[in-house]
Amino acid sequence: MITKVWTKNFSQSELERSAKASKNGINNSIPQHLLQNAQDLLNTLQVIRDALGKPIKITSGFRCERLNKLVGGVPNSSHTRC
């Protein structure tokens, strides 16, 4: 069972970080059943970063349903599935 996801240059907290969630008291943690998706995403981002040889900043990663609704995201947004 996966409990935390990361790569050499990316962490789970980068996907979960949201100023709007913090401001509105929203828990934007990635649920257990989506951690494998998150790990796959971070692995892909790591390959891209390694190829570019430059940092990549995640500006909008995971969004829980409540946060997605608050920001006006579409109901089936990829952000809600990592």
PDB file of N, CA and C in Angstrom:
ATOM      1  N   MET A   1       0.835  -1.175   0.000  1.00  0.00           N
ATOM      2  CA  MET A   1       0.000   0.000   0.000  1.00  0.00           C
ATOM      3  C   MET A   1       0.887   1.248   0.000  1.00  0.00           C
ATOM      4  N   ILE A   2       0.604   2.166  -0.891  1.00  0.00           N
ATOM      5  CA  ILE A   2       1.336   3.428  -0.961  1.00  0.00           C
ATOM      6  C   ILE A   2       0.832   4.344   0.154  1.00  0.00           C
ATOM      7  N   THR A   3       1.755   4.988   0.860  1.00  0.00           N
ATOM      8  CA  THR A   3       1.347   5.927   1.905  1.00  0.00           C
ATOM      9  C   THR A   3       1.833   7.347   1.625  1.00  0.00           C
ATOM     10  N   LYS A   4       2.837   7.490   0.788  1.00  0.00           N
ATOM     11  CA  LYS A   4       3.387   8.795   0.448  1.00  0.00           C
ATOM     12  C   LYS A   4       4.040   8.678  -0.917  1.00  0.00           C
ATOM     13  N   VAL A   5       3.926   9.736  -1.730  1.00  0.00           N
ATOM     14  CA  VAL A   5       4.514   9.682  -3.069  1.00  0.00           C
ATOM     15  C   VAL A   5       5.561  10.785  -3.230  1.00  0.00           C
ATOM     16  N   TRP A   6       6.598  10.459  -3.999  1.00  0.00           N
ATOM     17  CA  TRP A   6       7.634  11.430  -4.281  1.00  0.00           C
ATOM     18  C   TRP A   6       8.574  10.884  -5.346  1.00  0.00           C
ATOM     19  N   THR A   7       9.398  11.781  -5.890  1.00  0.00           N
ATOM     20  CA  THR A   7      10.511  11.415  -6.761  1.00  0.00           C
ATOM     21  C   THR A   7      11.719  12.217  -6.277  1.00  0.00           C
ATOM     22  N   LYS A   8      12.783  12.170  -7.037  1.00  0.00           N
ATOM     23  CA  LYS A   8      13.997  12.899  -6.669  1.00  0.00           C
ATOM     24  C   LYS A   8      13.727  14.398  -6.495  1.00  0.00           C
ATOM     25  N   ASN A   9      12.872  14.969  -7.341  1.00  0.00           N
ATOM     26  CA  ASN A   9      12.652  16.415  -7.326  1.00  0.00           C
ATOM     27  C   ASN A   9      11.220  16.855  -7.040  1.00  0.00           C
ATOM     28  N   PHE A  10      10.319  15.936  -6.818  1.00  0.00           N
ATOM     29  CA  PHE A  10       8.913  16.292  -6.584  1.00  0.00           C
ATOM     30  C   PHE A  10       8.383  15.568  -5.356  1.00  0.00           C
ATOM     31  N   SER A  11       7.412  16.203  -4.693  1.00  0.00           N
ATOM     32  CA  SER A  11       6.813  15.583  -3.511  1.00  0.00           C
ATOM     33  C   SER A  11       5.287  15.662  -3.575  1.00  0.00           C
ATOM     34  N   GLN A  12       4.661  14.804  -2.810  1.00  0.00           N
ATOM     35  CA  GLN A  12       3.206  14.789  -2.712  1.00  0.00           C
ATOM     36  C   GLN A  12       2.678  16.152  -2.272  1.00  0.00           C
ATOM     37  N   SER A  13       3.380  16.788  -1.357  1.00  0.00           N
ATOM     38  CA  SER A  13       2.909  18.082  -0.847  1.00  0.00           C
ATOM     39  C   SER A  13       2.840  19.141  -1.944  1.00  0.00           C
ATOM     40  N   GLU A  14       3.686  19.019  -2.980  1.00  0.00           N
ATOM     41  CA  GLU A  14       3.613  19.961  -4.101  1.00  0.00           C
ATOM     42  C   GLU A  14       2.302  19.809  -4.863  1.00  0.00           C
ATOM     43  N   LEU A  15       1.804  18.582  -4.964  1.00  0.00           N
ATOM     44  CA  LEU A  15       0.528  18.353  -5.641  1.00  0.00           C
ATOM     45  C   LEU A  15      -0.642  18.844  -4.799  1.00  0.00           C
ATOM     46  N   GLU A  16      -0.507  18.751  -3.488  1.00  0.00           N
ATOM     47  CA  GLU A  16      -1.606  19.089  -2.579  1.00  0.00           C
ATOM     48  C   GLU A  16      -1.654  20.571  -2.212  1.00  0.00           C
ATOM     49  N   ARG A  17      -0.550  21.272  -2.359  1.00  0.00           N
ATOM     50  CA  ARG A  17      -0.457  22.668  -1.920  1.00  0.00           C
ATOM     51  C   ARG A  17      -1.459  23.547  -2.669  1.00  0.00           C
ATOM     52  N   SER A  18      -2.211  24.337  -1.905  1.00  0.00           N
ATOM     53  CA  SER A  18      -3.174  25.260  -2.489  1.00  0.00           C
ATOM     54  C   SER A  18      -3.446  26.390  -1.508  1.00  0.00           C
ATOM     55  N   ALA A  19      -3.107  27.609  -1.911  1.00  0.00           N
ATOM     56  CA  ALA A  19      -3.374  28.773  -1.058  1.00  0.00           C
ATOM     57  C   ALA A  19      -4.872  28.933  -0.837  1.00  0.00           C
ATOM     58  N   LYS A  20      -5.651  28.678  -1.885  1.00  0.00           N
ATOM     59  CA  LYS A  20      -7.106  28.823  -1.765  1.00  0.00           C
ATOM     60  C   LYS A  20      -7.678  27.790  -0.804  1.00  0.00           C
ATOM     61  N   ALA A  21      -7.164  26.576  -0.831  1.00  0.00           N
ATOM     62  CA  ALA A  21      -7.625  25.547   0.106  1.00  0.00           C
ATOM     63  C   ALA A  21      -7.273  25.959   1.531  1.00  0.00           C
ATOM     64  N   SER A  22      -6.052  26.411   1.741  1.00  0.00           N
ATOM     65  CA  SER A  22      -5.629  26.837   3.078  1.00  0.00           C
ATOM     66  C   SER A  22      -6.483  27.991   3.581  1.00  0.00           C
ATOM     67  N   LYS A  23      -6.711  28.970   2.724  1.00  0.00           N
ATOM     68  CA  LYS A  23      -7.496  30.154   3.094  1.00  0.00           C
ATOM     69  C   LYS A  23      -8.926  29.787   3.476  1.00  0.00           C
ATOM     70  N   ASN A  24      -9.451  28.733   2.847  1.00  0.00           N
ATOM     71  CA  ASN A  24     -10.842  28.347   3.065  1.00  0.00           C
ATOM     72  C   ASN A  24     -11.005  27.133   3.975  1.00  0.00           C
ATOM     73  N   GLY A  25      -9.930  26.722   4.627  1.00  0.00           N
ATOM     74  CA  GLY A  25     -10.003  25.607   5.571  1.00  0.00           C
ATOM     75  C   GLY A  25     -10.342  24.273   4.935  1.00  0.00           C
ATOM     76  N   ILE A  26      -9.886  24.074   3.700  1.00  0.00           N
ATOM     77  CA  ILE A  26     -10.178  22.844   2.966  1.00  0.00           C
ATOM     78  C   ILE A  26      -8.992  21.888   3.068  1.00  0.00           C
ATOM     79  N   ASN A  27      -9.269  20.650   3.458  1.00  0.00           N
ATOM     80  CA  ASN A  27      -8.246  19.603   3.480  1.00  0.00           C
ATOM     81  C   ASN A  27      -8.085  19.091   2.051  1.00  0.00           C
ATOM     82  N   ASN A  28      -6.972  19.415   1.431  1.00  0.00           N
ATOM     83  CA  ASN A  28      -6.737  19.039   0.040  1.00  0.00           C
ATOM     84  C   ASN A  28      -5.768  17.860  -0.077  1.00  0.00           C
ATOM     85  N   SER A  29      -5.797  16.968   0.890  1.00  0.00           N
ATOM     86  CA  SER A  29      -4.936  15.781   0.856  1.00  0.00           C
ATOM     87  C   SER A  29      -5.412  14.803  -0.212  1.00  0.00           C
ATOM     88  N   ILE A  30      -4.475  14.169  -0.866  1.00  0.00           N
ATOM     89  CA  ILE A  30      -4.807  13.166  -1.875  1.00  0.00           C
ATOM     90  C   ILE A  30      -5.292  11.912  -1.160  1.00  0.00           C
ATOM     91  N   PRO A  31      -6.488  11.412  -1.505  1.00  0.00           N
ATOM     92  CA  PRO A  31      -6.984  10.202  -0.842  1.00  0.00           C
ATOM     93  C   PRO A  31      -6.175   8.965  -1.244  1.00  0.00           C
ATOM     94  N   GLN A  32      -6.172   7.987  -0.360  1.00  0.00           N
ATOM     95  CA  GLN A  32      -5.402   6.757  -0.552  1.00  0.00           C
ATOM     96  C   GLN A  32      -5.622   6.138  -1.931  1.00  0.00           C
ATOM     97  N   HIS A  33      -6.868   6.081  -2.389  1.00  0.00           N
ATOM     98  CA  HIS A  33      -7.157   5.392  -3.653  1.00  0.00           C
ATOM     99  C   HIS A  33      -6.600   6.125  -4.875  1.00  0.00           C
ATOM    100  N   LEU A  34      -6.104   7.362  -4.707  1.00  0.00           N
ATOM    101  CA  LEU A  34      -5.522   8.100  -5.829  1.00  0.00           C
ATOM    102  C   LEU A  34      -3.997   8.239  -5.734  1.00  0.00           C
ATOM    103  N   LEU A  35      -3.394   7.668  -4.696  1.00  0.00           N
ATOM    104  CA  LEU A  35      -1.947   7.824  -4.528  1.00  0.00           C
ATOM    105  C   LEU A  35      -1.141   7.196  -5.664  1.00  0.00           C
ATOM    106  N   GLN A  36      -1.602   6.095  -6.222  1.00  0.00           N
ATOM    107  CA  GLN A  36      -0.871   5.504  -7.354  1.00  0.00           C
ATOM    108  C   GLN A  36      -0.916   6.440  -8.559  1.00  0.00           C
ATOM    109  N   ASN A  37      -2.064   7.080  -8.803  1.00  0.00           N
ATOM    110  CA  ASN A  37      -2.154   8.065  -9.888  1.00  0.00           C
ATOM    111  C   ASN A  37      -1.161   9.203  -9.649  1.00  0.00           C
ATOM    112  N   ALA A  38      -1.092   9.663  -8.399  1.00  0.00           N
ATOM    113  CA  ALA A  38      -0.173  10.749  -8.051  1.00  0.00           C
ATOM    114  C   ALA A  38       1.275  10.325  -8.282  1.00  0.00           C
ATOM    115  N   GLN A  39       1.614   9.103  -7.891  1.00  0.00           N
ATOM    116  CA  GLN A  39       2.980   8.618  -8.098  1.00  0.00           C
ATOM    117  C   GLN A  39       3.296   8.532  -9.584  1.00  0.00           C
ATOM    118  N   ASP A  40       2.355   8.051 -10.378  1.00  0.00           N
ATOM    119  CA  ASP A  40       2.563   7.970 -11.829  1.00  0.00           C
ATOM    120  C   ASP A  40       2.784   9.360 -12.424  1.00  0.00           C
ATOM    121  N   LEU A  41       2.001  10.340 -11.965  1.00  0.00           N
ATOM    122  CA  LEU A  41       2.155  11.713 -12.445  1.00  0.00           C
ATOM    123  C   LEU A  41       3.528  12.268 -12.075  1.00  0.00           C
ATOM    124  N   LEU A  42       3.932  12.085 -10.829  1.00  0.00           N
ATOM    125  CA  LEU A  42       5.246  12.590 -10.414  1.00  0.00           C
ATOM    126  C   LEU A  42       6.378  11.892 -11.155  1.00  0.00           C
ATOM    127  N   ASN A  43       6.236  10.602 -11.426  1.00  0.00           N
ATOM    128  CA  ASN A  43       7.252   9.886 -12.209  1.00  0.00           C
ATOM    129  C   ASN A  43       7.376  10.485 -13.604  1.00  0.00           C
ATOM    130  N   THR A  44       6.247  10.795 -14.230  1.00  0.00           N
ATOM    131  CA  THR A  44       6.254  11.400 -15.564  1.00  0.00           C
ATOM    132  C   THR A  44       6.882  12.788 -15.523  1.00  0.00           C
ATOM    133  N   LEU A  45       6.502  13.585 -14.523  1.00  0.00           N
ATOM    134  CA  LEU A  45       7.099  14.917 -14.385  1.00  0.00           C
ATOM    135  C   LEU A  45       8.606  14.834 -14.165  1.00  0.00           C
ATOM    136  N   GLN A  46       9.054  13.820 -13.443  1.00  0.00           N
ATOM    137  CA  GLN A  46      10.489  13.656 -13.195  1.00  0.00           C
ATOM    138  C   GLN A  46      11.236  13.365 -14.493  1.00  0.00           C
ATOM    139  N   VAL A  47      10.660  12.515 -15.341  1.00  0.00           N
ATOM    140  CA  VAL A  47      11.276  12.216 -16.639  1.00  0.00           C
ATOM    141  C   VAL A  47      11.398  13.495 -17.467  1.00  0.00           C
ATOM    142  N   ILE A  48      10.335  14.301 -17.480  1.00  0.00           N
ATOM    143  CA  ILE A  48      10.352  15.561 -18.239  1.00  0.00           C
ATOM    144  C   ILE A  48      11.392  16.517 -17.660  1.00  0.00           C
ATOM    145  N   ARG A  49      11.431  16.634 -16.339  1.00  0.00           N
ATOM    146  CA  ARG A  49      12.404  17.523 -15.695  1.00  0.00           C
ATOM    147  C   ARG A  49      13.827  17.082 -16.007  1.00  0.00           C
ATOM    148  N   ASP A  50      14.078  15.783 -15.933  1.00  0.00           N
ATOM    149  CA  ASP A  50      15.415  15.268 -16.239  1.00  0.00           C
ATOM    150  C   ASP A  50      15.803  15.581 -17.680  1.00  0.00           C
ATOM    151  N   ALA A  51      14.850  15.454 -18.606  1.00  0.00           N
ATOM    152  CA  ALA A  51      15.127  15.732 -20.017  1.00  0.00           C
ATOM    153  C   ALA A  51      15.404  17.219 -20.245  1.00  0.00           C
ATOM    154  N   LEU A  52      14.655  18.078 -19.556  1.00  0.00           N
ATOM    155  CA  LEU A  52      14.848  19.524 -19.697  1.00  0.00           C
ATOM    156  C   LEU A  52      16.099  20.014 -18.980  1.00  0.00           C
ATOM    157  N   GLY A  53      16.434  19.326 -17.897  1.00  0.00           N
ATOM    158  CA  GLY A  53      17.561  19.764 -17.083  1.00  0.00           C
ATOM    159  C   GLY A  53      17.275  21.039 -16.307  1.00  0.00           C
ATOM    160  N   LYS A  54      15.983  21.333 -16.126  1.00  0.00           N
ATOM    161  CA  LYS A  54      15.568  22.546 -15.409  1.00  0.00           C
ATOM    162  C   LYS A  54      14.401  22.210 -14.485  1.00  0.00           C
ATOM    163  N   PRO A  55      14.256  22.970 -13.397  1.00  0.00           N
ATOM    164  CA  PRO A  55      13.129  22.739 -12.491  1.00  0.00           C
ATOM    165  C   PRO A  55      11.779  22.991 -13.155  1.00  0.00           C
ATOM    166  N   ILE A  56      10.782  22.298 -12.674  1.00  0.00           N
ATOM    167  CA  ILE A  56       9.390  22.495 -13.082  1.00  0.00           C
ATOM    168  C   ILE A  56       8.622  22.844 -11.820  1.00  0.00           C
ATOM    169  N   LYS A  57       7.847  23.913 -11.873  1.00  0.00           N
ATOM    170  CA  LYS A  57       7.039  24.311 -10.720  1.00  0.00           C
ATOM    171  C   LYS A  57       5.596  23.869 -10.946  1.00  0.00           C
ATOM    172  N   ILE A  58       5.068  23.103 -10.010  1.00  0.00           N
ATOM    173  CA  ILE A  58       3.671  22.686 -10.068  1.00  0.00           C
ATOM    174  C   ILE A  58       2.836  23.824  -9.496  1.00  0.00           C
ATOM    175  N   THR A  59       2.014  24.442 -10.332  1.00  0.00           N
ATOM    176  CA  THR A  59       1.200  25.570  -9.872  1.00  0.00           C
ATOM    177  C   THR A  59      -0.226  25.164  -9.548  1.00  0.00           C
ATOM    178  N   SER A  60      -0.667  24.055 -10.083  1.00  0.00           N
ATOM    179  CA  SER A  60      -2.011  23.559  -9.793  1.00  0.00           C
ATOM    180  C   SER A  60      -2.002  22.053  -9.981  1.00  0.00           C
ATOM    181  N   GLY A  61      -1.912  21.339  -8.866  1.00  0.00           N
ATOM    182  CA  GLY A  61      -1.851  19.883  -8.923  1.00  0.00           C
ATOM    183  C   GLY A  61      -3.190  19.270  -8.598  1.00  0.00           C
ATOM    184  N   PHE A  62      -3.250  18.541  -7.493  1.00  0.00           N
ATOM    185  CA  PHE A  62      -4.481  17.879  -7.078  1.00  0.00           C
ATOM    186  C   PHE A  62      -5.479  18.888  -6.526  1.00  0.00           C
ATOM    187  N   ARG A  63      -6.774  18.626  -6.792  1.00  0.00           N
ATOM    188  CA  ARG A  63      -7.863  19.389  -6.179  1.00  0.00           C
ATOM    189  C   ARG A  63      -8.904  18.408  -5.670  1.00  0.00           C
ATOM    190  N   CYS A  64      -9.216  18.486  -4.380  1.00  0.00           N
ATOM    191  CA  CYS A  64     -10.345  17.701  -3.879  1.00  0.00           C
ATOM    192  C   CYS A  64     -11.616  18.285  -4.508  1.00  0.00           C
ATOM    193  N   GLU A  65     -12.710  17.547  -4.433  1.00  0.00           N
ATOM    194  CA  GLU A  65     -13.945  18.008  -5.077  1.00  0.00           C
ATOM    195  C   GLU A  65     -14.389  19.372  -4.566  1.00  0.00           C
ATOM    196  N   ARG A  66     -14.265  19.579  -3.262  1.00  0.00           N
ATOM    197  CA  ARG A  66     -14.687  20.865  -2.676  1.00  0.00           C
ATOM    198  C   ARG A  66     -13.847  22.022  -3.229  1.00  0.00           C
ATOM    199  N   LEU A  67     -12.532  21.844  -3.301  1.00  0.00           N
ATOM    200  CA  LEU A  67     -11.659  22.882  -3.844  1.00  0.00           C
ATOM    201  C   LEU A  67     -11.926  23.086  -5.326  1.00  0.00           C
ATOM    202  N   ASN A  68     -12.109  22.007  -6.060  1.00  0.00           N
ATOM    203  CA  ASN A  68     -12.376  22.108  -7.487  1.00  0.00           C
ATOM    204  C   ASN A  68     -13.634  22.935  -7.744  1.00  0.00           C
ATOM    205  N   LYS A  69     -14.666  22.708  -6.954  1.00  0.00           N
ATOM    206  CA  LYS A  69     -15.913  23.471  -7.098  1.00  0.00           C
ATOM    207  C   LYS A  69     -15.674  24.941  -6.766  1.00  0.00           C
ATOM    208  N   LEU A  70     -14.910  25.197  -5.695  1.00  0.00           N
ATOM    209  CA  LEU A  70     -14.629  26.568  -5.262  1.00  0.00           C
ATOM    210  C   LEU A  70     -13.907  27.368  -6.341  1.00  0.00           C
ATOM    211  N   VAL A  71     -12.977  26.738  -7.050  1.00  0.00           N
ATOM    212  CA  VAL A  71     -12.211  27.458  -8.079  1.00  0.00           C
ATOM    213  C   VAL A  71     -12.910  27.470  -9.435  1.00  0.00           C
ATOM    214  N   GLY A  72     -14.084  26.849  -9.522  1.00  0.00           N
ATOM    215  CA  GLY A  72     -14.828  26.844 -10.779  1.00  0.00           C
ATOM    216  C   GLY A  72     -14.357  25.793 -11.764  1.00  0.00           C
ATOM    217  N   GLY A  73     -13.706  24.743 -11.262  1.00  0.00           N
ATOM    218  CA  GLY A  73     -13.248  23.658 -12.134  1.00  0.00           C
ATOM    219  C   GLY A  73     -14.415  22.825 -12.639  1.00  0.00           C
ATOM    220  N   VAL A  74     -14.235  22.190 -13.775  1.00  0.00           N
ATOM    221  CA  VAL A  74     -15.285  21.331 -14.319  1.00  0.00           C
ATOM    222  C   VAL A  74     -15.405  20.080 -13.451  1.00  0.00           C
ATOM    223  N   PRO A  75     -16.612  19.518 -13.335  1.00  0.00           N
ATOM    224  CA  PRO A  75     -16.820  18.362 -12.445  1.00  0.00           C
ATOM    225  C   PRO A  75     -15.905  17.166 -12.727  1.00  0.00           C
ATOM    226  N   ASN A  76     -15.549  16.940 -13.973  1.00  0.00           N
ATOM    227  CA  ASN A  76     -14.708  15.788 -14.317  1.00  0.00           C
ATOM    228  C   ASN A  76     -13.241  16.189 -14.538  1.00  0.00           C
ATOM    229  N   SER A  77     -12.804  17.247 -13.887  1.00  0.00           N
ATOM    230  CA  SER A  77     -11.442  17.759 -14.045  1.00  0.00           C
ATOM    231  C   SER A  77     -10.391  16.697 -13.717  1.00  0.00           C
ATOM    232  N   SER A  78      -9.346  16.656 -14.515  1.00  0.00           N
ATOM    233  CA  SER A  78      -8.215  15.759 -14.239  1.00  0.00           C
ATOM    234  C   SER A  78      -7.557  16.095 -12.906  1.00  0.00           C
ATOM    235  N   HIS A  79      -7.679  17.338 -12.463  1.00  0.00           N
ATOM    236  CA  HIS A  79      -7.102  17.744 -11.175  1.00  0.00           C
ATOM    237  C   HIS A  79      -7.663  16.907 -10.022  1.00  0.00           C
ATOM    238  N   THR A  80      -8.887  16.414 -10.146  1.00  0.00           N
ATOM    239  CA  THR A  80      -9.515  15.652  -9.059  1.00  0.00           C
ATOM    240  C   THR A  80      -9.098  14.184  -9.059  1.00  0.00           C
ATOM    241  N   ARG A  81      -8.349  13.783 -10.079  1.00  0.00           N
ATOM    242  CA  ARG A  81      -7.916  12.383 -10.183  1.00  0.00           C
ATOM    243  C   ARG A  81      -6.399  12.241 -10.166  1.00  0.00           C
ATOM    244  N   CYS A  82      -5.700  13.358  -9.989  1.00  0.00           N
ATOM    245  CA  CYS A  82      -4.228  13.428 -10.060  1.00  0.00           C
ATOM    246  C   CYS A  82      -3.818  13.215 -11.487  1.00  0.00           C
TER     247      CYS A  82
END
